[in-house]
Structures are given as C-alpha cells and as structure tokens.
Amino acid sequence: MNRIRALNRVGLLMKNIGHTALPFLGKLIPVTLLQLEDTVIVDLKSEKCGYFAAILGVGNVKNISYPQLRFLRKNNIDNNYKLFESKLINLSNIEIGLKFSVDHFIVNQYVDITGYSKGKGFAGVMKRHNFKGLRASHGVSIAHRSQGSTGQCQDPGKVFKGKKMAGHLGTKRITVQNMKIVLIDNKASIIAVKGNNVPGYCNSYIFIRDANKKIMRENLLLE
C-alpha cells in the first residue's frame, strides 16, 4: 500500500489554541487543539521553479511585510493573508482559489506537525543539555551548576567545535511525527491531536501535513 504522502495532499497552517483533555475508555487523554482559519490557494509553483508547490494564504494579518503585500496585490488579492508554501508531487486537482476546511483531515489519521519551540533565552548546561552538574561538596564552592573543564592541557589545547556549552535555548524548528487526530469539530473549525507535545506557544502557527512514516488503512483513504 502506498503511503498517504503519495496522495499529493496539501499541508495546512493552523493555530495552536491550547490544551485540554478528552474522555476515552473511562479515562482522560491529553489533547492539543488546532484551529484552521480561512485558507485559500493564492498561487502555484511549477517546473519553472524546479519543484511543485502551492502558495496558500491564511487568516488576516495586520502587520505584513511589503514584499508579501506587493505579491498579494499583484495577484489581485485584497486580504492581508499570512503566506506559506506546501510542496507537492504534482499539480493535479490543485488550482488557484481552492479553499480548505478541517474536513481536509479525518479522525484516526496520523499527521506530522512542524513549528518553532518556545524560546527560553540563555540557559546553562544543566537545563540546556541535561548535565548532572558538579559535586555538592568536597572542593566545589560556588560552581555547582557549571560544566567544568571544556578543553585539554597542551595537545591539542583547544575547545572543539560543537562542544556542549551554555547558550541560547529554544526557538528551533521542530517536527513532531505521527500525531493522531482524535476529534474534528467542523463548526468551530478545530481538530484535536493526541498529546501535548506540539511545538510552540499558545496562538502560534504550526504546519500540519499527512504523516510521512505512517501507512493509512484502506478504510481511511481519502480521494
């Protein structure tokens, strides 16, 4: 059976609106709620760009960059859409003006979610890399959470690139794979995915697409 990715389906940009719990088999399971705003295809990319993709606009952004605003006006679009791109295998059954709803996904489907993790500023090695720290006594006075020695004595006498040290933590592009959709609310345009490990903070945008490593059962295949 082919992977669902081979069905040439568009990925969508959704808003992470929070977490809750849903009853399932007599117990509560944690879920993350994702909301889909008005989404429409505003342009397409073909062989001229070297790959196939759909450029979609979502929502209505107040502060929009001038290049994006110029792109929208050039395509005779009055709304200030937030633009994003979804790569495709080909452009069959894909056309400009096509709108999407939460019916694009179905219950029990697995999806991959991409977003940016929460920024936590400057962090030490214990928080950033899970170091155990130095001893609590026996010669260590005020450096219990430090990383200790980082280099060598004379040969080679330097700190190698990539050494785990203190620094900026968070704000990285992260993809969480194989998250299961457990509920779809068409009226509120919301889907609930199992788990609370979706990257990003509340009201941030995440990119959701069909799972790349999960094979969809025959009774869940879409057109």
Protein backbone atom coordinates (compact mmCIF):
# COMPACT_ATOMS: atom_id res chain seq x y z
CA MET A 1 0.00 0.00 0.00
CA ASN A 2 1.33 3.45 -0.89
CA ARG A 3 2.00 5.98 1.82
CA ILE A 4 -0.60 8.68 2.32
CA ARG A 5 2.08 11.18 1.31
CA ALA A 6 1.82 9.79 -2.21
CA LEU A 7 -1.77 11.06 -2.40
CA ASN A 8 -0.41 14.53 -3.21
CA ARG A 9 -2.29 16.35 -0.46
CA VAL A 10 -1.67 19.91 0.67
CA GLY A 11 -0.34 20.68 4.15
CA LEU A 12 -2.12 23.40 6.13
CA LEU A 13 -1.09 26.16 8.51
CA MET A 14 -3.11 26.00 11.75
CA LYS A 15 -3.11 27.88 15.04
CA ASN A 16 -2.24 26.18 18.32
CA ILE A 17 -5.01 27.43 20.63
CA GLY A 18 -4.27 25.38 23.76
CA HIS A 19 -4.58 22.05 25.53
CA THR A 20 -7.36 20.10 27.18
CA ALA A 21 -8.35 16.52 27.98
CA LEU A 22 -10.97 14.26 26.40
CA PRO A 23 -12.63 11.16 27.89
CA PHE A 24 -11.63 7.90 26.24
CA LEU A 25 -12.42 4.39 27.52
CA GLY A 26 -13.09 5.63 31.02
CA LYS A 27 -10.02 7.84 31.33
CA LEU A 28 -8.87 11.26 30.18
CA ILE A 29 -6.32 11.66 27.42
CA PRO A 30 -4.41 14.94 26.85
CA VAL A 31 -5.03 16.64 23.50
CA THR A 32 -3.85 19.76 21.70
CA LEU A 33 -6.43 21.92 19.94
CA LEU A 34 -5.56 23.29 16.50
CA GLN A 35 -7.75 25.83 14.72
CA LEU A 36 -7.91 26.37 10.97
CA GLU A 37 -8.54 29.91 9.78
CA ASP A 38 -9.73 30.86 6.28
CA THR A 39 -7.22 29.21 3.94
CA VAL A 40 -7.06 29.57 0.16
CA ILE A 41 -4.52 28.84 -2.58
CA VAL A 42 -3.26 32.16 -3.96
CA ASP A 43 -0.58 30.92 -6.36
CA LEU A 44 1.17 27.80 -7.70
CA LYS A 45 4.77 26.86 -8.40
CA SER A 46 5.59 24.55 -11.32
CA GLU A 47 8.62 23.23 -13.24
CA LYS A 48 9.86 26.78 -13.75
CA CYS A 49 10.75 26.93 -10.03
CA GLY A 50 12.27 23.46 -10.03
CA TYR A 51 9.53 21.88 -7.92
CA PHE A 52 5.77 21.80 -7.49
CA ALA A 53 4.14 23.69 -4.64
CA ALA A 54 1.01 25.56 -3.62
CA ILE A 55 1.28 29.00 -2.06
CA LEU A 56 -1.54 29.44 0.44
CA GLY A 57 -2.85 32.41 2.36
CA VAL A 58 -4.35 32.08 5.81
CA GLY A 59 -6.14 34.49 8.16
CA ASN A 60 -5.84 38.27 8.04
CA VAL A 61 -2.54 39.72 9.30
CA LYS A 62 -2.33 43.33 10.49
CA ASN A 63 1.43 43.75 10.15
CA ILE A 64 2.53 42.33 6.81
CA SER A 65 5.86 42.84 5.08
CA TYR A 66 5.96 44.97 1.95
CA PRO A 67 7.16 42.15 -0.38
CA GLN A 68 4.27 39.93 0.71
CA LEU A 69 1.81 42.80 0.40
CA ARG A 70 3.08 43.55 -3.09
CA PHE A 71 2.76 39.86 -4.02
CA LEU A 72 -0.87 39.80 -2.87
CA ARG A 73 -1.81 42.99 -4.70
CA LYS A 74 -0.06 41.72 -7.83
CA ASN A 75 -2.38 38.70 -7.72
CA ASN A 76 -5.43 40.96 -7.19
CA ILE A 77 -5.96 39.84 -3.58
CA ASP A 78 -7.27 42.46 -1.15
CA ASN A 79 -6.87 40.41 2.06
CA ASN A 80 -3.61 40.58 4.03
CA TYR A 81 -3.02 36.84 4.12
CA LYS A 82 -0.24 35.16 6.03
CA LEU A 83 1.56 33.28 3.26
CA PHE A 84 3.11 29.83 3.41
CA GLU A 85 4.15 27.13 0.97
CA SER A 86 3.27 23.45 0.73
CA LYS A 87 5.34 21.23 -1.58
CA LEU A 88 3.52 18.74 -3.79
CA ILE A 89 4.34 15.84 -6.08
CA ASN A 90 2.39 17.41 -8.95
CA LEU A 91 -0.36 19.98 -9.50
CA SER A 92 -3.17 17.60 -10.45
CA ASN A 93 -6.53 18.63 -8.95
CA ILE A 94 -4.84 21.75 -7.49
CA GLU A 95 -5.97 25.18 -8.66
CA ILE A 96 -5.80 28.79 -7.56
CA GLY A 97 -8.74 29.84 -5.41
CA LEU A 98 -9.24 26.40 -3.85
CA LYS A 99 -10.34 26.75 -0.21
CA PHE A 100 -9.75 24.31 2.65
CA SER A 101 -11.57 23.31 5.82
CA VAL A 102 -10.89 20.88 8.66
CA ASP A 103 -12.54 18.19 6.52
CA HIS A 104 -9.18 18.05 4.78
CA PHE A 105 -8.20 15.70 7.63
CA ILE A 106 -10.13 12.82 9.22
CA VAL A 107 -10.33 11.16 12.63
CA ASN A 108 -7.70 8.49 13.40
CA GLN A 109 -5.37 9.91 10.79
CA TYR A 110 -1.69 10.39 11.67
CA VAL A 111 -0.05 13.71 10.89
CA ASP A 112 3.37 15.39 11.17
CA ILE A 113 3.42 18.79 12.87
CA THR A 114 6.17 21.37 12.35
CA GLY A 115 6.65 24.52 14.40
CA TYR A 116 9.12 26.58 16.41
CA SER A 117 9.80 25.63 20.02
CA LYS A 118 9.36 28.10 22.85
CA GLY A 119 12.28 30.48 23.33
CA LYS A 120 13.81 30.24 26.80
CA GLY A 121 16.68 32.67 26.47
CA PHE A 122 20.19 31.99 27.77
CA ALA A 123 20.41 28.71 29.68
CA GLY A 124 23.17 26.80 31.46
CA VAL A 125 24.38 23.33 30.58
CA MET A 126 22.19 21.60 33.18
CA LYS A 127 18.99 22.98 31.68
CA ARG A 128 20.15 23.06 28.07
CA HIS A 129 21.97 19.71 27.79
CA ASN A 130 20.82 17.83 30.92
CA PHE A 131 24.27 17.84 32.56
CA LYS A 132 24.33 16.48 36.10
CA GLY A 133 26.49 19.34 37.44
CA LEU A 134 29.47 19.21 39.77
CA ARG A 135 29.68 17.76 43.25
CA ALA A 136 27.66 19.28 46.05
CA SER A 137 30.72 19.32 48.33
CA HIS A 138 34.37 18.22 48.51
CA GLY A 139 36.08 21.20 46.99
CA VAL A 140 33.24 22.73 44.94
CA SER A 141 32.19 26.04 46.47
CA ILE A 142 30.03 28.21 44.21
CA ALA A 143 30.16 26.43 40.83
CA HIS A 144 27.80 23.50 41.38
CA ARG A 145 25.85 24.06 38.12
CA SER A 146 28.86 24.81 35.93
CA GLN A 147 30.08 22.46 33.19
CA GLY A 148 33.65 22.02 34.39
CA SER A 149 36.64 21.71 32.07
CA THR A 150 35.95 22.16 28.35
CA GLY A 151 39.39 21.73 26.74
CA GLN A 152 42.74 19.98 27.07
CA CYS A 153 46.10 20.89 28.56
CA GLN A 154 48.57 21.22 25.67
CA ASP A 155 47.64 18.77 22.92
CA PRO A 156 45.56 19.85 21.04
CA GLY A 157 44.94 22.60 23.60
CA LYS A 158 41.66 23.93 22.26
CA VAL A 159 37.90 23.59 22.57
CA PHE A 160 36.41 21.59 19.70
CA LYS A 161 33.54 23.00 17.65
CA GLY A 162 30.15 21.70 18.74
CA LYS A 163 31.12 21.38 22.41
CA LYS A 164 28.00 21.36 24.57
CA MET A 165 28.07 24.62 26.47
CA ALA A 166 25.72 27.23 27.88
CA GLY A 167 23.85 29.30 25.33
CA HIS A 168 20.53 30.16 23.73
CA LEU A 169 17.79 27.60 24.34
CA GLY A 170 14.67 27.13 22.25
CA THR A 171 13.28 28.89 19.14
CA LYS A 172 14.24 25.95 16.91
CA ARG A 173 12.27 24.43 14.07
CA ILE A 174 10.92 21.11 15.33
CA THR A 175 8.85 18.41 13.63
CA VAL A 176 6.80 16.01 15.78
CA GLN A 177 5.87 12.92 13.80
CA ASN A 178 2.94 10.50 13.90
CA MET A 179 0.48 12.51 15.98
CA LYS A 180 -3.04 11.08 15.89
CA ILE A 181 -6.18 13.11 15.21
CA VAL A 182 -8.83 12.09 17.75
CA LEU A 183 -11.54 14.71 17.18
CA ILE A 184 -12.72 17.10 14.44
CA ASP A 185 -15.17 19.94 15.10
CA ASN A 186 -16.38 21.27 11.75
CA LYS A 187 -18.49 24.02 13.29
CA ALA A 188 -15.63 25.56 15.26
CA SER A 189 -13.02 24.61 12.62
CA ILE A 190 -10.94 22.80 15.24
CA ILE A 191 -9.12 19.47 15.33
CA ALA A 192 -7.72 17.75 18.42
CA VAL A 193 -4.50 15.74 18.21
CA LYS A 194 -3.48 13.27 20.91
CA GLY A 195 -0.72 14.50 23.20
CA ASN A 196 0.53 17.89 24.35
CA ASN A 197 3.96 17.93 22.70
CA VAL A 198 3.07 20.21 19.81
CA PRO A 199 5.90 22.76 19.43
CA GLY A 200 5.26 26.45 20.06
CA TYR A 201 3.31 28.63 22.41
CA CYS A 202 -0.41 29.37 22.53
CA ASN A 203 -1.77 31.14 19.42
CA SER A 204 1.35 30.34 17.41
CA TYR A 205 1.10 28.88 13.90
CA ILE A 206 2.16 25.31 13.11
CA PHE A 207 2.35 23.44 9.80
CA ILE A 208 0.42 20.17 9.73
CA ARG A 209 0.61 17.57 6.94
CA ASP A 210 -0.03 13.88 6.40
CA ALA A 211 2.38 11.60 8.25
CA ASN A 212 5.35 10.57 6.15
CA LYS A 213 6.12 7.33 8.02
CA LYS A 214 2.63 6.02 8.72
CA ILE A 215 0.60 3.99 6.26
CA MET A 216 -3.08 4.86 6.23
CA ARG A 217 -5.57 1.98 6.44
CA GLU A 218 -7.80 1.33 3.44
CA ASN A 219 -10.96 2.49 5.23
CA LEU A 220 -9.31 5.86 5.93
CA LEU A 221 -8.05 6.60 2.44
CA LEU A 222 -9.13 9.93 1.02
CA GLU A 223 -9.88 10.90 -2.53
